[in-house]
């Protein structure tokens, strides 16, 4: 998508602090971290949100889930983490490209807030 900020980050048009990259995904540090470690994991395929997923997206999303542990280790998370995907306006999704917030480096409170 030509106007998608995450697509532009993946393509290198917008700078980012890369944590991990392979043929399926790109992970980078959030510029407004909500925890000591806050990494965004973005599939390279443009999928708008969890609500925008189709059966064809199961494989790539599965690959993202399998890599979370490795990305957490690379990012320096050593004692657990939270993985979040916001969906839609009420879910506070601000970029219409599915992505996962990997948060760690401190105890995660519940409910979040």
N, C-alpha and C. Protein backbone atom coordinates (compact mmCIF):
# COMPACT_ATOMS: atom_id res chain seq x y z
N UNK A 1 0.85 -1.18 0.00
CA UNK A 1 0.00 0.00 0.00
C UNK A 1 0.90 1.24 0.00
N UNK A 2 0.68 2.09 -0.93
CA UNK A 2 1.54 3.26 -1.14
C UNK A 2 1.54 4.23 0.03
N UNK A 3 0.43 4.34 0.74
CA UNK A 3 0.35 5.33 1.82
C UNK A 3 0.47 4.71 3.22
N UNK A 4 0.82 3.44 3.31
CA UNK A 4 0.92 2.75 4.61
C UNK A 4 2.28 3.01 5.23
N UNK A 5 2.30 3.56 6.42
CA UNK A 5 3.57 3.88 7.10
C UNK A 5 4.39 2.62 7.37
N UNK A 6 3.73 1.50 7.72
CA UNK A 6 4.49 0.28 7.98
C UNK A 6 5.07 -0.30 6.70
N UNK A 7 4.34 -0.21 5.60
CA UNK A 7 4.90 -0.66 4.31
C UNK A 7 6.12 0.18 3.95
N UNK A 8 6.07 1.48 4.23
CA UNK A 8 7.20 2.36 3.95
C UNK A 8 8.39 2.03 4.85
N UNK A 9 8.13 1.68 6.11
CA UNK A 9 9.21 1.28 7.02
C UNK A 9 9.84 -0.02 6.53
N UNK A 10 9.01 -0.99 6.16
CA UNK A 10 9.52 -2.27 5.65
C UNK A 10 10.39 -2.06 4.41
N UNK A 11 9.98 -1.15 3.54
CA UNK A 11 10.73 -0.87 2.30
C UNK A 11 11.96 -0.01 2.53
N UNK A 12 12.14 0.52 3.75
CA UNK A 12 13.29 1.36 4.06
C UNK A 12 13.11 2.82 3.68
N UNK A 13 11.90 3.20 3.28
CA UNK A 13 11.62 4.59 2.94
C UNK A 13 11.56 5.48 4.18
N UNK A 14 11.22 4.88 5.30
CA UNK A 14 11.18 5.57 6.59
C UNK A 14 12.14 4.82 7.51
N UNK A 15 13.06 5.53 8.17
CA UNK A 15 14.02 4.84 9.03
C UNK A 15 13.36 4.21 10.24
N UNK A 16 13.98 3.13 10.72
CA UNK A 16 13.51 2.44 11.92
C UNK A 16 14.70 1.78 12.60
N UNK A 17 14.48 1.37 13.82
CA UNK A 17 15.50 0.64 14.58
C UNK A 17 15.17 -0.85 14.50
N UNK A 18 15.73 -1.50 13.49
CA UNK A 18 15.40 -2.90 13.21
C UNK A 18 15.89 -3.81 14.32
N UNK A 19 15.01 -4.74 14.70
CA UNK A 19 15.35 -5.79 15.66
C UNK A 19 15.49 -7.13 14.94
N UNK A 20 14.64 -7.37 13.95
CA UNK A 20 14.63 -8.66 13.24
C UNK A 20 13.98 -8.47 11.88
N UNK A 21 14.46 -9.25 10.91
CA UNK A 21 13.82 -9.24 9.59
C UNK A 21 14.06 -10.58 8.92
N UNK A 22 13.03 -11.08 8.25
CA UNK A 22 13.17 -12.21 7.35
C UNK A 22 12.23 -11.99 6.17
N UNK A 23 12.02 -13.00 5.36
CA UNK A 23 11.19 -12.83 4.17
C UNK A 23 9.72 -12.59 4.48
N UNK A 24 9.28 -12.88 5.71
CA UNK A 24 7.86 -12.77 6.07
C UNK A 24 7.51 -11.59 6.96
N UNK A 25 8.47 -11.09 7.72
CA UNK A 25 8.15 -10.08 8.73
C UNK A 25 9.31 -9.13 8.97
N UNK A 26 8.96 -8.02 9.59
CA UNK A 26 9.93 -7.01 9.98
C UNK A 26 9.58 -6.57 11.39
N UNK A 27 10.57 -6.55 12.28
CA UNK A 27 10.35 -6.14 13.66
C UNK A 27 11.27 -4.97 13.98
N UNK A 28 10.72 -3.95 14.63
CA UNK A 28 11.49 -2.75 14.94
C UNK A 28 11.00 -2.13 16.24
N UNK A 29 11.85 -1.31 16.85
CA UNK A 29 11.51 -0.68 18.12
C UNK A 29 10.49 0.43 17.91
N UNK A 30 9.48 0.47 18.78
CA UNK A 30 8.45 1.50 18.73
C UNK A 30 9.06 2.84 19.11
N UNK A 31 8.68 3.90 18.40
CA UNK A 31 9.22 5.23 18.70
C UNK A 31 8.55 5.88 19.90
N UNK A 32 7.43 5.32 20.35
CA UNK A 32 6.76 5.79 21.57
C UNK A 32 6.53 4.59 22.49
N UNK A 33 7.61 4.05 23.07
CA UNK A 33 7.50 2.80 23.83
C UNK A 33 6.59 2.92 25.05
N UNK A 34 5.83 1.86 25.26
CA UNK A 34 4.92 1.77 26.39
C UNK A 34 5.46 0.85 27.48
N UNK A 35 6.67 0.37 27.29
CA UNK A 35 7.38 -0.49 28.24
C UNK A 35 8.87 -0.32 27.96
N UNK A 36 9.74 -0.76 28.88
CA UNK A 36 11.17 -0.63 28.62
C UNK A 36 11.61 -1.25 27.28
N UNK A 37 10.97 -2.36 26.90
CA UNK A 37 11.19 -2.94 25.58
C UNK A 37 9.85 -2.97 24.87
N UNK A 38 9.78 -2.32 23.72
CA UNK A 38 8.53 -2.26 22.95
C UNK A 38 8.90 -2.40 21.47
N UNK A 39 8.62 -3.57 20.94
CA UNK A 39 8.95 -3.88 19.55
C UNK A 39 7.66 -4.10 18.78
N UNK A 40 7.60 -3.58 17.57
CA UNK A 40 6.46 -3.85 16.68
C UNK A 40 6.88 -4.94 15.70
N UNK A 41 6.05 -5.96 15.57
CA UNK A 41 6.29 -7.05 14.63
C UNK A 41 5.24 -6.93 13.54
N UNK A 42 5.69 -6.76 12.31
CA UNK A 42 4.80 -6.46 11.20
C UNK A 42 5.00 -7.48 10.08
N UNK A 43 3.95 -8.20 9.69
CA UNK A 43 4.09 -9.05 8.50
C UNK A 43 4.38 -8.17 7.28
N UNK A 44 5.21 -8.66 6.38
CA UNK A 44 5.52 -7.88 5.17
C UNK A 44 4.32 -7.81 4.23
N UNK A 45 3.47 -8.81 4.28
CA UNK A 45 2.24 -8.76 3.48
C UNK A 45 1.31 -7.75 4.12
N UNK A 46 0.76 -6.85 3.33
CA UNK A 46 -0.17 -5.86 3.87
C UNK A 46 -1.52 -6.52 4.14
N UNK A 47 -1.83 -6.65 5.42
CA UNK A 47 -3.13 -7.15 5.91
C UNK A 47 -3.63 -6.04 6.82
N UNK A 48 -4.85 -5.58 6.63
CA UNK A 48 -5.29 -4.39 7.37
C UNK A 48 -5.39 -4.61 8.87
N UNK A 49 -5.90 -5.75 9.32
CA UNK A 49 -6.10 -5.99 10.75
C UNK A 49 -6.45 -7.45 10.97
N UNK A 50 -6.66 -7.83 12.21
CA UNK A 50 -7.15 -9.18 12.47
C UNK A 50 -8.48 -9.42 11.77
N UNK A 51 -9.31 -8.39 11.71
CA UNK A 51 -10.59 -8.52 11.00
C UNK A 51 -10.40 -8.62 9.49
N UNK A 52 -9.25 -8.22 9.00
CA UNK A 52 -8.98 -8.27 7.57
C UNK A 52 -8.27 -9.54 7.13
N UNK A 53 -8.04 -10.47 8.06
CA UNK A 53 -7.36 -11.71 7.73
C UNK A 53 -8.25 -12.64 6.92
N UNK A 54 -7.61 -13.40 6.06
CA UNK A 54 -8.31 -14.43 5.30
C UNK A 54 -7.61 -15.75 5.56
N UNK A 55 -8.22 -16.87 5.18
CA UNK A 55 -7.56 -18.16 5.37
C UNK A 55 -6.17 -18.23 4.75
N UNK A 56 -5.95 -17.50 3.66
CA UNK A 56 -4.63 -17.49 3.03
C UNK A 56 -3.57 -16.84 3.91
N UNK A 57 -3.96 -16.06 4.91
CA UNK A 57 -3.02 -15.37 5.79
C UNK A 57 -2.57 -16.23 6.97
N UNK A 58 -3.19 -17.38 7.14
CA UNK A 58 -2.88 -18.23 8.30
C UNK A 58 -1.41 -18.62 8.35
N UNK A 59 -0.84 -18.94 7.21
CA UNK A 59 0.56 -19.39 7.20
C UNK A 59 1.50 -18.27 7.65
N UNK A 60 1.37 -17.09 7.10
CA UNK A 60 2.28 -16.00 7.46
C UNK A 60 2.08 -15.58 8.92
N UNK A 61 0.84 -15.54 9.39
CA UNK A 61 0.59 -15.16 10.78
C UNK A 61 1.11 -16.24 11.73
N UNK A 62 1.02 -17.49 11.32
CA UNK A 62 1.61 -18.57 12.11
C UNK A 62 3.12 -18.42 12.21
N UNK A 63 3.76 -18.04 11.11
CA UNK A 63 5.21 -17.83 11.12
C UNK A 63 5.58 -16.69 12.06
N UNK A 64 4.76 -15.64 12.09
CA UNK A 64 5.01 -14.54 13.02
C UNK A 64 4.95 -15.06 14.46
N UNK A 65 3.92 -15.82 14.79
CA UNK A 65 3.76 -16.31 16.16
C UNK A 65 4.93 -17.20 16.57
N UNK A 66 5.43 -18.02 15.66
CA UNK A 66 6.54 -18.92 15.97
C UNK A 66 7.83 -18.13 16.23
N UNK A 67 7.98 -16.96 15.63
CA UNK A 67 9.20 -16.15 15.77
C UNK A 67 9.19 -15.22 16.98
N UNK A 68 8.04 -15.06 17.64
CA UNK A 68 7.95 -14.09 18.74
C UNK A 68 9.00 -14.36 19.81
N UNK A 69 9.17 -15.61 20.21
CA UNK A 69 10.14 -15.93 21.27
C UNK A 69 11.55 -15.49 20.86
N UNK A 70 11.94 -15.79 19.63
CA UNK A 70 13.27 -15.40 19.17
C UNK A 70 13.43 -13.88 19.12
N UNK A 71 12.40 -13.18 18.65
CA UNK A 71 12.46 -11.72 18.59
C UNK A 71 12.55 -11.14 20.00
N UNK A 72 11.82 -11.71 20.95
CA UNK A 72 11.90 -11.25 22.34
C UNK A 72 13.32 -11.41 22.87
N UNK A 73 13.94 -12.55 22.59
CA UNK A 73 15.32 -12.78 23.04
C UNK A 73 16.29 -11.79 22.41
N UNK A 74 16.15 -11.55 21.12
CA UNK A 74 17.02 -10.59 20.42
C UNK A 74 16.86 -9.19 21.02
N UNK A 75 15.62 -8.84 21.38
CA UNK A 75 15.33 -7.51 21.93
C UNK A 75 15.77 -7.37 23.38
N UNK A 76 16.16 -8.47 24.02
CA UNK A 76 16.64 -8.40 25.40
C UNK A 76 15.59 -8.68 26.45
N UNK A 77 14.46 -9.23 26.05
CA UNK A 77 13.42 -9.60 27.02
C UNK A 77 13.79 -10.95 27.60
N UNK A 78 13.94 -11.01 28.93
CA UNK A 78 14.44 -12.23 29.57
C UNK A 78 13.48 -12.88 30.55
N UNK A 79 12.40 -12.19 30.91
CA UNK A 79 11.57 -12.71 31.99
C UNK A 79 10.08 -12.63 31.64
N UNK A 80 9.73 -12.88 30.41
CA UNK A 80 8.33 -12.84 30.00
C UNK A 80 7.99 -11.57 29.27
N UNK A 81 6.85 -11.62 28.58
CA UNK A 81 6.44 -10.50 27.75
C UNK A 81 4.94 -10.55 27.52
N UNK A 82 4.43 -9.49 26.93
CA UNK A 82 3.03 -9.41 26.49
C UNK A 82 3.06 -9.15 24.98
N UNK A 83 2.14 -9.83 24.27
CA UNK A 83 1.99 -9.63 22.83
C UNK A 83 0.57 -9.16 22.60
N UNK A 84 0.42 -8.01 21.92
CA UNK A 84 -0.88 -7.38 21.74
C UNK A 84 -1.08 -7.02 20.27
N UNK A 85 -2.29 -7.22 19.77
CA UNK A 85 -2.66 -6.71 18.46
C UNK A 85 -3.97 -5.94 18.61
N UNK A 86 -3.91 -4.65 18.37
CA UNK A 86 -5.10 -3.81 18.43
C UNK A 86 -5.89 -3.97 17.14
N UNK A 87 -7.22 -3.94 17.24
CA UNK A 87 -8.05 -4.15 16.06
C UNK A 87 -9.21 -3.16 16.07
N UNK A 88 -9.28 -2.33 15.04
CA UNK A 88 -10.38 -1.39 14.90
C UNK A 88 -10.26 -0.17 15.78
N UNK A 89 -11.19 0.74 15.59
CA UNK A 89 -11.17 2.01 16.30
C UNK A 89 -11.26 1.84 17.82
N UNK A 90 -12.21 1.05 18.30
CA UNK A 90 -12.35 0.86 19.74
C UNK A 90 -11.18 0.08 20.32
N UNK A 91 -10.50 -0.72 19.50
CA UNK A 91 -9.31 -1.44 19.94
C UNK A 91 -8.05 -0.60 19.86
N UNK A 92 -8.21 0.66 19.44
CA UNK A 92 -7.14 1.64 19.34
C UNK A 92 -6.08 1.25 18.31
N UNK A 93 -6.53 0.68 17.19
CA UNK A 93 -5.61 0.42 16.08
C UNK A 93 -5.38 1.73 15.34
N UNK A 94 -4.14 2.20 15.33
CA UNK A 94 -3.84 3.49 14.72
C UNK A 94 -3.22 3.38 13.33
N UNK A 95 -2.73 2.20 12.96
CA UNK A 95 -2.18 1.97 11.63
C UNK A 95 -2.92 0.77 11.04
N UNK A 96 -3.47 0.95 9.85
CA UNK A 96 -4.24 -0.13 9.23
C UNK A 96 -3.32 -1.09 8.47
N UNK A 97 -2.44 -1.71 9.21
CA UNK A 97 -1.58 -2.80 8.75
C UNK A 97 -1.37 -3.65 10.00
N UNK A 98 -1.82 -4.89 9.96
CA UNK A 98 -1.75 -5.73 11.16
C UNK A 98 -0.33 -5.72 11.73
N UNK A 99 -0.24 -5.60 13.03
CA UNK A 99 1.04 -5.59 13.70
C UNK A 99 0.84 -6.04 15.14
N UNK A 100 1.92 -6.47 15.73
CA UNK A 100 1.89 -7.00 17.08
C UNK A 100 2.87 -6.22 17.94
N UNK A 101 2.38 -5.76 19.09
CA UNK A 101 3.22 -5.05 20.05
C UNK A 101 3.82 -6.09 20.98
N UNK A 102 5.13 -6.20 21.00
CA UNK A 102 5.86 -7.07 21.91
C UNK A 102 6.39 -6.18 23.04
N UNK A 103 5.85 -6.38 24.23
CA UNK A 103 6.16 -5.52 25.37
C UNK A 103 6.84 -6.33 26.47
N UNK A 104 7.91 -5.79 27.05
CA UNK A 104 8.59 -6.49 28.12
C UNK A 104 9.54 -5.58 28.85
N UNK A 105 10.34 -6.20 29.70
CA UNK A 105 11.32 -5.45 30.47
C UNK A 105 10.81 -4.98 31.82
N UNK A 106 9.57 -5.32 32.14
CA UNK A 106 8.98 -5.00 33.43
C UNK A 106 7.75 -5.88 33.61
N UNK A 107 7.26 -6.01 34.85
CA UNK A 107 6.03 -6.76 35.05
C UNK A 107 4.86 -6.05 34.34
N UNK A 108 4.05 -6.81 33.65
CA UNK A 108 2.89 -6.28 32.95
C UNK A 108 1.67 -6.36 33.89
N UNK A 109 1.06 -5.22 34.14
CA UNK A 109 -0.10 -5.17 35.02
C UNK A 109 -1.36 -5.60 34.29
N UNK A 110 -2.36 -6.04 35.02
CA UNK A 110 -3.65 -6.37 34.43
C UNK A 110 -4.73 -5.86 35.34
N UNK A 111 -5.72 -5.14 34.88
CA UNK A 111 -5.86 -4.78 33.47
C UNK A 111 -4.83 -3.74 33.07
N UNK A 112 -4.51 -3.73 31.76
CA UNK A 112 -3.54 -2.73 31.29
C UNK A 112 -4.09 -1.34 31.46
N UNK A 113 -3.27 -0.40 31.56
CA UNK A 113 -3.79 0.94 31.70
C UNK A 113 -2.80 1.93 31.89
